[in-house]
Amino acid sequence: MFVRTLAIVACSALFAAAMLASAQRASPVILLVGDSISAGYGLPIGSGWATLLQQRVDAQHLGYRVVNASISGDTTAGGRARLGALLAQHRPAITIIELGGNDGLRGGSLDAMRDNLDAMTSAAQKAGSRVLLIGIRVPPNYGAAYGERFAATYGEVARARKAALVPFLFDGFAENDSMFQPDRIHPLAGAQAKMLDNVWPSLAPLLSAKAA
C-alpha cells in the first residue's frame, strides 16, 4: 500500500510538472536579445533587470514569459547572426533588443551598427513580433561627434521601423558612480530596478497590445 501511494504521488507530481511546462510554453514570449548589461554580468544570480521584469509581469498577471537570450560581449553583428534561430525557436510576441554598447566601446562603424539594428528589427517584425529598441551611450572620451551619432542611431532605426524605443537605459543614474561596478560600465544590483523603470513605460503598451 505504501509503495502504491508513493507511485500515485509521483505520478501526480509528474502530471503537475507537465501541466506547468505546457502552460509556460503556451505563454506569449518576451525575447530579450542583449549583451552583458542584460545578461547580468557581475551580479548575483536572479538580480538582473530581466529577472525583475519577469517578476513584474507575473505580479501584474500579464501572462508573458521572459526569455533572456543576452550574451556578455555580444555586438549588433552577433545579435543579428543569432536572431533568426531565436525567433524560430521562441516565436516571441515581443522582442527587446539591447545591443550596441560593445560596438561603441570598440569604436566600430556606426553605419554597420545601424544596419544590424535595422535588420534585427525588421526580421523580428516580419516574424510577427513587436519590437522595443533599448538605447545606450558611449563614454565621452570617444568624442562628441561619435557619441551623439551613436546615441541617435537607436532613434533613427525606431522611427524608420515604427518600433518602440527606450532612448537611454541608464537614464537618471548614468553619472552616479555608486550605481556601477568598478569597471564603470556594468550597473550594480541596486541599479537594476531603475533600469526596469526606464524600460517599462515603453514596454507596457506592447504588453497591453497582445490581444490586438
Protein backbone atom coordinates (compact mmCIF):
# COMPACT_ATOMS: atom_id res chain seq x y z
CA MET A 1 0.00 0.00 0.00
CA PHE A 2 2.84 2.40 0.90
CA VAL A 3 4.62 1.73 -2.41
CA ARG A 4 1.36 2.24 -4.32
CA THR A 5 0.77 5.55 -2.51
CA LEU A 6 4.27 6.73 -3.40
CA ALA A 7 3.66 5.82 -7.03
CA ILE A 8 0.43 7.80 -7.09
CA VAL A 9 2.12 10.82 -5.52
CA ALA A 10 4.99 10.58 -8.02
CA CYS A 11 2.60 10.36 -10.95
CA SER A 12 0.64 13.34 -9.65
CA ALA A 13 3.83 15.36 -9.30
CA LEU A 14 4.92 14.45 -12.83
CA PHE A 15 1.49 15.37 -14.19
CA ALA A 16 1.57 18.73 -12.38
CA ALA A 17 5.07 19.44 -13.71
CA ALA A 18 3.99 18.54 -17.24
CA MET A 19 0.95 20.80 -16.98
CA LEU A 20 3.10 23.67 -15.71
CA ALA A 21 5.63 23.19 -18.53
CA SER A 22 2.79 23.11 -21.07
CA ALA A 23 1.32 26.33 -19.66
CA GLN A 24 4.70 28.03 -19.78
CA ARG A 25 5.18 27.02 -23.40
CA ALA A 26 1.75 28.42 -24.24
CA SER A 27 2.53 31.79 -22.67
CA PRO A 28 3.49 34.56 -25.11
CA VAL A 29 7.21 35.21 -25.02
CA ILE A 30 9.18 38.39 -24.43
CA LEU A 31 12.53 37.71 -26.07
CA LEU A 32 15.43 39.80 -24.76
CA VAL A 33 18.47 39.90 -27.01
CA GLY A 34 21.23 41.85 -25.32
CA ASP A 35 24.78 41.95 -24.08
CA SER A 36 26.36 41.84 -20.61
CA ILE A 37 24.13 44.67 -19.37
CA SER A 38 21.09 42.39 -19.73
CA ALA A 39 22.95 39.12 -19.11
CA GLY A 40 23.60 40.26 -15.54
CA TYR A 41 27.39 40.42 -15.70
CA GLY A 42 28.92 40.61 -12.23
CA LEU A 43 25.57 40.35 -10.46
CA PRO A 44 24.18 37.77 -8.04
CA ILE A 45 22.03 35.22 -9.85
CA GLY A 46 18.45 36.40 -10.19
CA SER A 47 19.13 40.08 -9.53
CA GLY A 48 19.34 41.38 -13.11
CA TRP A 49 16.70 43.60 -14.65
CA ALA A 50 15.47 40.77 -16.89
CA THR A 51 14.56 38.75 -13.81
CA LEU A 52 12.90 41.79 -12.27
CA LEU A 53 10.93 42.17 -15.50
CA GLN A 54 9.57 38.64 -15.19
CA GLN A 55 8.64 39.32 -11.58
CA ARG A 56 6.76 42.49 -12.50
CA VAL A 57 4.97 40.76 -15.38
CA ASP A 58 3.93 37.97 -13.02
CA ALA A 59 2.85 40.39 -10.29
CA GLN A 60 0.58 42.15 -12.77
CA HIS A 61 -0.76 38.83 -14.14
CA LEU A 62 0.16 39.76 -17.70
CA GLY A 63 0.86 36.18 -18.73
CA TYR A 64 4.16 36.66 -20.54
CA ARG A 65 7.29 34.55 -20.21
CA VAL A 66 10.63 36.33 -20.45
CA VAL A 67 13.37 34.53 -22.37
CA ASN A 68 16.69 36.22 -21.73
CA ALA A 69 18.97 35.39 -24.66
CA SER A 70 21.58 38.00 -23.74
CA ILE A 71 25.28 37.15 -24.05
CA SER A 72 28.12 39.09 -22.45
CA GLY A 73 30.33 40.69 -25.07
CA ASP A 74 27.75 40.45 -27.84
CA THR A 75 27.58 43.06 -30.59
CA THR A 76 24.87 44.04 -33.04
CA ALA A 77 26.56 41.79 -35.61
CA GLY A 78 26.45 38.86 -33.20
CA GLY A 79 22.84 39.54 -32.33
CA ARG A 80 21.91 39.76 -35.98
CA ALA A 81 23.61 36.44 -36.70
CA ARG A 82 21.73 34.54 -33.99
CA LEU A 83 18.36 36.28 -34.07
CA GLY A 84 16.82 34.13 -36.79
CA ALA A 85 17.24 30.94 -34.78
CA LEU A 86 15.88 32.62 -31.65
CA LEU A 87 12.79 33.86 -33.48
CA ALA A 88 12.15 30.40 -34.92
CA GLN A 89 12.61 28.71 -31.55
CA HIS A 90 10.64 31.06 -29.31
CA ARG A 91 8.19 32.80 -31.69
CA PRO A 92 8.18 35.88 -29.44
CA ALA A 93 5.26 38.25 -29.19
CA ILE A 94 7.73 40.97 -28.20
CA THR A 95 11.43 41.26 -28.98
CA ILE A 96 13.61 43.59 -26.91
CA ILE A 97 16.94 44.49 -28.49
CA GLU A 98 19.60 45.82 -26.11
CA LEU A 99 22.75 45.83 -28.20
CA GLY A 100 25.31 48.30 -29.48
CA GLY A 101 27.30 49.07 -26.37
CA ASN A 102 30.16 46.79 -27.38
CA ASP A 103 30.09 48.18 -30.91
CA GLY A 104 30.64 51.63 -29.44
CA LEU A 105 33.30 50.62 -26.93
CA ARG A 106 35.27 49.12 -29.81
CA GLY A 107 34.85 52.27 -31.88
CA GLY A 108 33.01 50.29 -34.52
CA SER A 109 31.33 51.54 -37.64
CA LEU A 110 28.08 53.29 -36.80
CA ASP A 111 26.76 52.60 -40.28
CA ALA A 112 27.25 48.88 -39.67
CA MET A 113 25.66 49.15 -36.24
CA ARG A 114 22.63 50.91 -37.70
CA ASP A 115 22.33 48.34 -40.47
CA ASN A 116 22.45 45.49 -37.94
CA LEU A 117 19.85 47.04 -35.64
CA ASP A 118 17.61 47.77 -38.60
CA ALA A 119 17.93 44.22 -39.92
CA MET A 120 17.16 42.75 -36.49
CA THR A 121 14.12 44.97 -36.04
CA SER A 122 12.83 44.13 -39.50
CA ALA A 123 13.36 40.39 -39.03
CA ALA A 124 11.52 40.39 -35.71
CA GLN A 125 8.62 42.38 -37.12
CA LYS A 126 8.35 40.08 -40.14
CA ALA A 127 8.17 37.18 -37.67
CA GLY A 128 5.13 38.83 -36.07
CA SER A 129 6.93 40.29 -33.07
CA ARG A 130 6.54 43.77 -31.64
CA VAL A 131 9.97 45.37 -31.15
CA LEU A 132 11.46 47.53 -28.43
CA LEU A 133 14.89 49.04 -29.00
CA ILE A 134 16.92 49.98 -25.93
CA GLY A 135 19.46 52.73 -26.38
CA ILE A 136 22.78 53.06 -24.64
CA ARG A 137 25.54 55.67 -24.81
CA VAL A 138 29.32 55.58 -25.05
CA PRO A 139 31.67 57.36 -22.63
CA PRO A 140 32.59 60.96 -23.52
CA ASN A 141 36.20 60.06 -24.33
CA TYR A 142 35.01 58.73 -27.70
CA GLY A 143 34.38 62.31 -28.81
CA ALA A 144 31.23 64.36 -29.00
CA ALA A 145 30.53 63.70 -32.67
CA TYR A 146 30.83 59.92 -32.36
CA GLY A 147 28.85 59.86 -29.13
CA GLU A 148 26.00 61.95 -30.47
CA ARG A 149 25.71 59.95 -33.65
CA PHE A 150 25.90 56.70 -31.69
CA ALA A 151 23.05 57.72 -29.38
CA ALA A 152 20.95 58.96 -32.29
CA THR A 153 21.19 55.65 -34.13
CA TYR A 154 18.58 53.94 -31.94
CA GLY A 155 16.01 56.65 -32.56
CA GLU A 156 16.67 56.59 -36.29
CA VAL A 157 16.03 52.86 -36.51
CA ALA A 158 12.98 53.05 -34.24
CA ARG A 159 11.41 55.80 -36.34
CA ALA A 160 12.19 54.08 -39.62
CA ARG A 161 10.69 50.78 -38.45
CA LYS A 162 7.96 52.25 -36.23
CA ALA A 163 9.39 50.35 -33.27
CA ALA A 164 9.18 51.30 -29.60
CA LEU A 165 12.22 52.95 -28.05
CA VAL A 166 13.94 53.44 -24.71
CA PRO A 167 16.33 56.31 -25.52
CA PHE A 168 18.80 55.58 -22.69
CA LEU A 169 18.80 52.57 -20.38
CA PHE A 170 20.85 54.35 -17.70
CA ASP A 171 18.76 57.49 -17.65
CA GLY A 172 18.71 59.12 -14.22
CA PHE A 173 21.79 57.41 -12.79
CA ALA A 174 24.46 57.36 -15.52
CA GLU A 175 26.62 59.90 -13.67
CA ASN A 176 26.28 58.18 -10.29
CA ASP A 177 29.42 56.07 -9.81
CA SER A 178 27.89 54.35 -6.78
CA MET A 179 25.45 52.60 -9.12
CA PHE A 180 28.19 50.90 -11.14
CA GLN A 181 30.71 48.13 -10.72
CA PRO A 182 34.41 49.19 -10.60
CA ASP A 183 34.64 48.97 -14.41
CA ARG A 184 32.17 51.90 -14.56
CA ILE A 185 30.31 50.07 -17.35
CA HIS A 186 28.12 47.48 -15.66
CA PRO A 187 25.44 48.60 -13.20
CA LEU A 188 25.25 47.09 -9.73
CA ALA A 189 22.27 45.15 -8.42
CA GLY A 190 20.90 48.32 -6.86
CA ALA A 191 20.55 49.91 -10.30
CA GLN A 192 18.58 47.08 -11.90
CA ALA A 193 15.18 48.31 -10.72
CA LYS A 194 15.98 51.75 -12.12
CA MET A 195 16.77 50.17 -15.47
CA LEU A 196 13.47 48.31 -15.45
CA ASP A 197 11.66 51.53 -14.57
CA ASN A 198 13.31 53.16 -17.60
CA VAL A 199 12.18 50.32 -19.85
CA TRP A 200 8.65 49.87 -18.51
CA PRO A 201 6.91 52.99 -19.95
CA SER A 202 7.91 51.95 -23.48
CA LEU A 203 7.29 48.25 -22.94
CA ALA A 204 3.91 48.45 -21.19
CA PRO A 205 1.93 49.50 -24.31
CA LEU A 206 3.37 46.50 -26.17
CA LEU A 207 2.27 44.19 -23.38
CA SER A 208 -1.26 45.51 -23.40
CA ALA A 209 -1.44 45.09 -27.18
CA LYS A 210 -1.09 41.30 -27.01
CA ALA A 211 -4.69 40.70 -27.95
CA ALA A 212 -4.56 43.05 -30.93
